[in-house]
C-alpha atoms as a PDB file:
ATOM      1  CA  MET A   1       0.000   0.000   0.000  1.00  0.00           C
ATOM      2  CA  ALA A   2       1.345   3.406  -0.994  1.00  0.00           C
ATOM      3  CA  ASN A   3       1.896   6.121   1.546  1.00  0.00           C
ATOM      4  CA  THR A   4      -0.641   8.913   1.204  1.00  0.00           C
ATOM      5  CA  HIS A   5      -0.675  12.465   2.412  1.00  0.00           C
ATOM      6  CA  THR A   6      -3.630  14.740   3.037  1.00  0.00           C
ATOM      7  CA  SER A   7      -3.257  18.428   2.311  1.00  0.00           C
ATOM      8  CA  LYS A   8      -5.712  21.100   3.372  1.00  0.00           C
ATOM      9  CA  ILE A   9      -6.435  24.603   2.113  1.00  0.00           C
ATOM     10  CA  ASP A  10      -8.661  26.792   4.280  1.00  0.00           C
ATOM     11  CA  PHE A  11     -10.501  29.999   3.423  1.00  0.00           C
ATOM     12  CA  THR A  12     -11.990  32.272   6.071  1.00  0.00           C
ATOM     13  CA  ILE A  13     -14.494  34.821   4.830  1.00  0.00           C
ATOM     14  CA  GLU A  14     -15.593  37.681   7.072  1.00  0.00           C
ATOM     15  CA  LEU A  15     -19.015  38.975   5.967  1.00  0.00           C
ATOM     16  CA  ASP A  16     -20.924  42.170   6.685  1.00  0.00           C
ATOM     17  CA  GLU A  17     -24.563  42.209   7.810  1.00  0.00           C
ATOM     18  CA  ASN A  18     -25.658  41.684   4.175  1.00  0.00           C
ATOM     19  CA  LYS A  19     -23.311  38.705   3.764  1.00  0.00           C
ATOM     20  CA  VAL A  20     -20.976  40.661   1.483  1.00  0.00           C
ATOM     21  CA  PRO A  21     -17.306  39.686   1.958  1.00  0.00           C
ATOM     22  CA  GLU A  22     -15.305  42.257   3.907  1.00  0.00           C
ATOM     23  CA  LYS A  23     -12.205  40.197   4.530  1.00  0.00           C
ATOM     24  CA  ILE A  24     -10.749  37.025   3.009  1.00  0.00           C
ATOM     25  CA  ASN A  25      -7.892  35.037   4.519  1.00  0.00           C
ATOM     26  CA  TRP A  26      -6.451  31.703   3.487  1.00  0.00           C
ATOM     27  CA  SER A  27      -4.021  29.126   4.773  1.00  0.00           C
ATOM     28  CA  ALA A  28      -2.204  26.233   3.094  1.00  0.00           C
ATOM     29  CA  ALA A  29       0.251  24.575   5.448  1.00  0.00           C
ATOM     30  CA  ASP A  30       1.957  22.559   2.679  1.00  0.00           C
ATOM     31  CA  GLY A  31       2.574  25.791   0.775  1.00  0.00           C
ATOM     32  CA  GLY A  32       3.804  27.699   3.798  1.00  0.00           C
ATOM     33  CA  VAL A  33       0.818  30.048   3.778  1.00  0.00           C
ATOM     34  CA  LYS A  34      -0.772  30.939   7.100  1.00  0.00           C
ATOM     35  CA  ASN A  35      -3.719  33.298   7.368  1.00  0.00           C
ATOM     36  CA  ALA A  36      -2.701  35.352   4.303  1.00  0.00           C
ATOM     37  CA  GLU A  37      -4.937  38.177   3.132  1.00  0.00           C
ATOM     38  CA  ALA A  38      -6.710  37.936  -0.215  1.00  0.00           C
ATOM     39  CA  LYS A  39      -9.093  40.312  -1.958  1.00  0.00           C
ATOM     40  CA  SER A  40     -10.682  37.822  -4.352  1.00  0.00           C
ATOM     41  CA  ILE A  41     -11.184  34.082  -4.905  1.00  0.00           C
ATOM     42  CA  MET A  42     -12.209  32.174  -8.015  1.00  0.00           C
ATOM     43  CA  LEU A  43     -12.546  28.494  -7.250  1.00  0.00           C
ATOM     44  CA  SER A  44     -13.868  25.837  -9.621  1.00  0.00           C
ATOM     45  CA  VAL A  45     -14.443  22.198  -8.789  1.00  0.00           C
ATOM     46  CA  TRP A  46     -15.609  19.432 -11.106  1.00  0.00           C
ATOM     47  CA  ASP A  47     -18.677  17.467 -10.048  1.00  0.00           C
ATOM     48  CA  PRO A  48     -18.177  14.057 -11.730  1.00  0.00           C
ATOM     49  CA  GLN A  49     -21.753  12.912 -11.140  1.00  0.00           C
ATOM     50  CA  ALA A  50     -23.430  15.995 -12.608  1.00  0.00           C
ATOM     51  CA  LYS A  51     -20.576  16.475 -15.106  1.00  0.00           C
ATOM     52  CA  GLU A  52     -20.448  20.202 -14.430  1.00  0.00           C
ATOM     53  CA  ALA A  53     -18.192  22.807 -12.904  1.00  0.00           C
ATOM     54  CA  LEU A  54     -19.220  24.273  -9.574  1.00  0.00           C
ATOM     55  CA  ARG A  55     -17.825  27.669  -8.699  1.00  0.00           C
ATOM     56  CA  ILE A  56     -17.207  30.012  -5.846  1.00  0.00           C
ATOM     57  CA  ASP A  57     -16.441  33.586  -6.886  1.00  0.00           C
ATOM     58  CA  LEU A  58     -15.921  36.034  -4.036  1.00  0.00           C
ATOM     59  CA  TRP A  59     -14.300  39.425  -3.690  1.00  0.00           C
ATOM     60  CA  THR A  60     -14.168  41.948  -0.895  1.00  0.00           C
ATOM     61  CA  LYS A  61     -16.118  45.149  -1.235  1.00  0.00           C
ATOM     62  CA  ASP A  62     -12.880  47.138  -1.165  1.00  0.00           C
ATOM     63  CA  MET A  63     -11.312  45.249  -4.108  1.00  0.00           C
ATOM     64  CA  PRO A  64     -10.418  47.984  -6.604  1.00  0.00           C
ATOM     65  CA  VAL A  65     -11.942  47.537 -10.061  1.00  0.00           C
ATOM     66  CA  GLU A  66      -8.560  48.033 -11.744  1.00  0.00           C
ATOM     67  CA  GLU A  67      -7.065  45.243  -9.630  1.00  0.00           C
ATOM     68  CA  MET A  68     -10.052  43.025 -10.456  1.00  0.00           C
ATOM     69  CA  LYS A  69      -9.335  43.524 -14.164  1.00  0.00           C
ATOM     70  CA  VAL A  70      -5.714  42.451 -13.653  1.00  0.00           C
ATOM     71  CA  PHE A  71      -6.866  39.502 -11.519  1.00  0.00           C
ATOM     72  CA  PHE A  72      -9.173  38.336 -14.319  1.00  0.00           C
ATOM     73  CA  TYR A  73      -6.417  38.733 -16.907  1.00  0.00           C
ATOM     74  CA  GLN A  74      -3.913  36.759 -14.829  1.00  0.00           C
ATOM     75  CA  THR A  75      -6.536  34.084 -14.133  1.00  0.00           C
ATOM     76  CA  LEU A  76      -7.271  33.731 -17.850  1.00  0.00           C
ATOM     77  CA  VAL A  77      -3.537  33.393 -18.607  1.00  0.00           C
ATOM     78  CA  ALA A  78      -3.215  30.727 -15.896  1.00  0.00           C
ATOM     79  CA  MET A  79      -6.259  28.889 -17.274  1.00  0.00           C
ATOM     80  CA  ALA A  80      -4.692  28.789 -20.745  1.00  0.00           C
ATOM     81  CA  ASP A  81      -1.471  27.389 -19.268  1.00  0.00           C
ATOM     82  CA  THR A  82      -3.361  24.815 -17.187  1.00  0.00           C
ATOM     83  CA  PHE A  83      -5.501  23.837 -20.168  1.00  0.00           C
ATOM     84  CA  HIS A  84      -2.342  23.216 -22.197  1.00  0.00           C
ATOM     85  CA  ARG A  85      -0.719  21.107 -19.458  1.00  0.00           C
ATOM     86  CA  ALA A  86      -3.933  19.129 -18.907  1.00  0.00           C
ATOM     87  CA  THR A  87      -4.823  18.462 -22.560  1.00  0.00           C
ATOM     88  CA  ASN A  88      -1.628  19.025 -24.550  1.00  0.00           C
ATOM     89  CA  ASP A  89      -3.871  20.794 -27.094  1.00  0.00           C
ATOM     90  CA  ASP A  90      -1.428  23.300 -28.608  1.00  0.00           C
ATOM     91  CA  LYS A  91      -3.907  24.866 -31.015  1.00  0.00           C
ATOM     92  CA  MET A  92      -6.641  25.634 -28.491  1.00  0.00           C
ATOM     93  CA  ALA A  93      -4.142  26.798 -25.861  1.00  0.00           C
ATOM     94  CA  ALA A  94      -2.719  29.242 -28.428  1.00  0.00           C
ATOM     95  CA  THR A  95      -6.258  30.436 -29.195  1.00  0.00           C
ATOM     96  CA  MET A  96      -6.877  30.987 -25.498  1.00  0.00           C
ATOM     97  CA  ARG A  97      -3.620  32.937 -25.201  1.00  0.00           C
ATOM     98  CA  ASP A  98      -4.630  35.069 -28.184  1.00  0.00           C
ATOM     99  CA  PHE A  99      -7.835  35.905 -26.346  1.00  0.00           C
ATOM    100  CA  THR A 100      -5.955  36.826 -23.161  1.00  0.00           C
ATOM    101  CA  ASP A 101      -3.791  39.220 -25.196  1.00  0.00           C
ATOM    102  CA  TYR A 102      -6.941  40.750 -26.732  1.00  0.00           C
ATOM    103  CA  PHE A 103      -8.560  40.988 -23.290  1.00  0.00           C
ATOM    104  CA  ALA A 104      -5.536  42.806 -21.834  1.00  0.00           C
ATOM    105  CA  GLU A 105      -5.305  45.120 -24.824  1.00  0.00           C
ATOM    106  CA  LYS A 106      -8.981  46.112 -24.607  1.00  0.00           C
ATOM    107  CA  LEU A 107      -8.651  46.769 -20.860  1.00  0.00           C
ATOM    108  CA  ALA A 108      -5.365  48.647 -21.424  1.00  0.00           C
ATOM    109  CA  ILE A 109      -3.642  46.597 -18.719  1.00  0.00           C
ATOM    110  CA  LYS A 110      -0.780  45.158 -20.757  1.00  0.00           C
END
C-alpha cells in the first residue's frame, strides 16, 4: 500500500450584515501560507456525477476595479497554461492565449 498524504487549504471569509465579503484570509500549510490576506477568490471544482463545474467567486467590497481587471487577466492566462498542461492541445491553448492578449489590450492593462 502506498503512503498517502492529506493536504488542506482553508478559506476564512468575514461577511458584513448583508453577507458581502469584507475580509478574506487563506491558509495552506503545505505551501507555507498561514492566514494570508486575499481580496478575491475564483474556485472551480468538477462534479463528476453531474458532469459540471461548480464555482465560488468572491471578492471583498474594497477590491479595486482596476485590480479586479488584472486579476481576471492573470486568471485567464493561468487557465490557458493549465488547459495546455492538462490536454496538450497546442492549437486551443494558443487560441486561449490570443484571447488573453486581446482581453488585456482592450482593458489597457498590458
